Amino acid sequence: MVFDAIAELIAERNDCDKADITMDSSFRDLGIDSLDTVEMLMNLEDKLGKEIELEQAVETVGDLVRYIEDRI
């Protein structure tokens, strides 16, 4: 569920195929910088109905998925 929501947001933002996004995809390779990540988190909070405070750097989609799943 969390992965799907993140992949969907990335695909919409980057106009790419959701199927091309994996847990190992790095945000840098996807063209997502730290400001994009903050904006994506705000959208994700709306989708999940949970507040997410990012307290550490995340480099891959999988890092973010695990971080969020550990906190919700």
Protein backbone atom coordinates (compact mmCIF):
# COMPACT_ATOMS: atom_id res chain seq x y z
CA MET A 1 0.00 0.00 0.00
CA VAL A 2 2.73 2.51 0.95
CA PHE A 3 4.90 1.49 -2.00
CA ASP A 4 1.99 1.82 -4.41
CA ALA A 5 1.14 5.29 -3.12
CA ILE A 6 4.76 6.46 -3.42
CA ALA A 7 5.22 4.92 -6.88
CA GLU A 8 2.00 6.55 -8.05
CA LEU A 9 3.12 9.97 -6.83
CA ILE A 10 6.52 9.59 -8.48
CA ALA A 11 4.99 8.42 -11.76
CA GLU A 12 2.60 11.38 -11.79
CA ARG A 13 5.35 13.86 -10.94
CA ASN A 14 7.86 12.51 -13.46
CA ASP A 15 5.37 11.49 -16.15
CA CYS A 16 6.76 7.95 -16.21
CA ASP A 17 5.41 4.42 -15.95
CA LYS A 18 4.67 3.30 -12.39
CA ALA A 19 5.89 -0.20 -13.33
CA ASP A 20 9.41 1.20 -13.85
CA ILE A 21 9.66 2.24 -10.19
CA THR A 22 11.04 -0.37 -7.79
CA MET A 23 12.03 -0.50 -4.13
CA ASP A 24 15.65 -0.13 -5.30
CA SER A 25 14.99 2.99 -7.40
CA SER A 26 17.03 5.89 -6.06
CA PHE A 27 15.42 9.29 -5.82
CA ARG A 28 18.46 10.81 -7.55
CA ASP A 29 18.05 8.48 -10.54
CA LEU A 30 14.35 9.37 -10.64
CA GLY A 31 15.22 13.07 -10.72
CA ILE A 32 13.76 13.77 -7.27
CA ASP A 33 15.62 16.15 -4.98
CA SER A 34 15.07 16.90 -1.29
CA LEU A 35 12.48 19.61 -1.99
CA ASP A 36 10.54 17.20 -4.21
CA THR A 37 10.70 14.62 -1.43
CA VAL A 38 9.16 17.04 1.09
CA GLU A 39 6.36 17.90 -1.35
CA MET A 40 5.80 14.21 -2.05
CA LEU A 41 5.58 13.50 1.69
CA MET A 42 2.88 16.13 2.09
CA ASN A 43 0.89 14.49 -0.72
CA LEU A 44 1.50 11.09 0.83
CA GLU A 45 0.22 12.29 4.20
CA ASP A 46 -3.02 13.28 2.48
CA LYS A 47 -3.30 9.89 0.75
CA LEU A 48 -2.54 7.86 3.88
CA GLY A 49 -4.29 10.12 6.36
CA LYS A 50 -1.21 10.07 8.61
CA GLU A 51 1.37 12.69 9.53
CA ILE A 52 4.88 11.75 8.46
CA GLU A 53 7.92 13.45 9.98
CA LEU A 54 11.02 12.58 7.98
CA GLU A 55 13.82 12.46 10.55
CA GLN A 56 16.51 10.88 8.41
CA ALA A 57 17.77 10.98 4.85
CA VAL A 58 16.30 8.43 2.47
CA GLU A 59 17.98 7.55 -0.80
CA THR A 60 15.72 4.93 -2.35
CA VAL A 61 12.02 4.30 -2.67
CA GLY A 62 12.48 1.25 -0.43
CA ASP A 63 14.16 3.37 2.27
CA LEU A 64 11.14 5.68 2.32
CA VAL A 65 8.64 2.79 2.29
CA ARG A 66 10.33 1.10 5.25
CA TYR A 67 10.64 4.40 7.14
CA ILE A 68 6.93 5.14 6.74
CA GLU A 69 5.78 1.58 7.46
CA ASP A 70 7.79 1.59 10.71
CA ARG A 71 5.92 4.71 11.86
CA ILE A 72 2.32 4.01 10.88
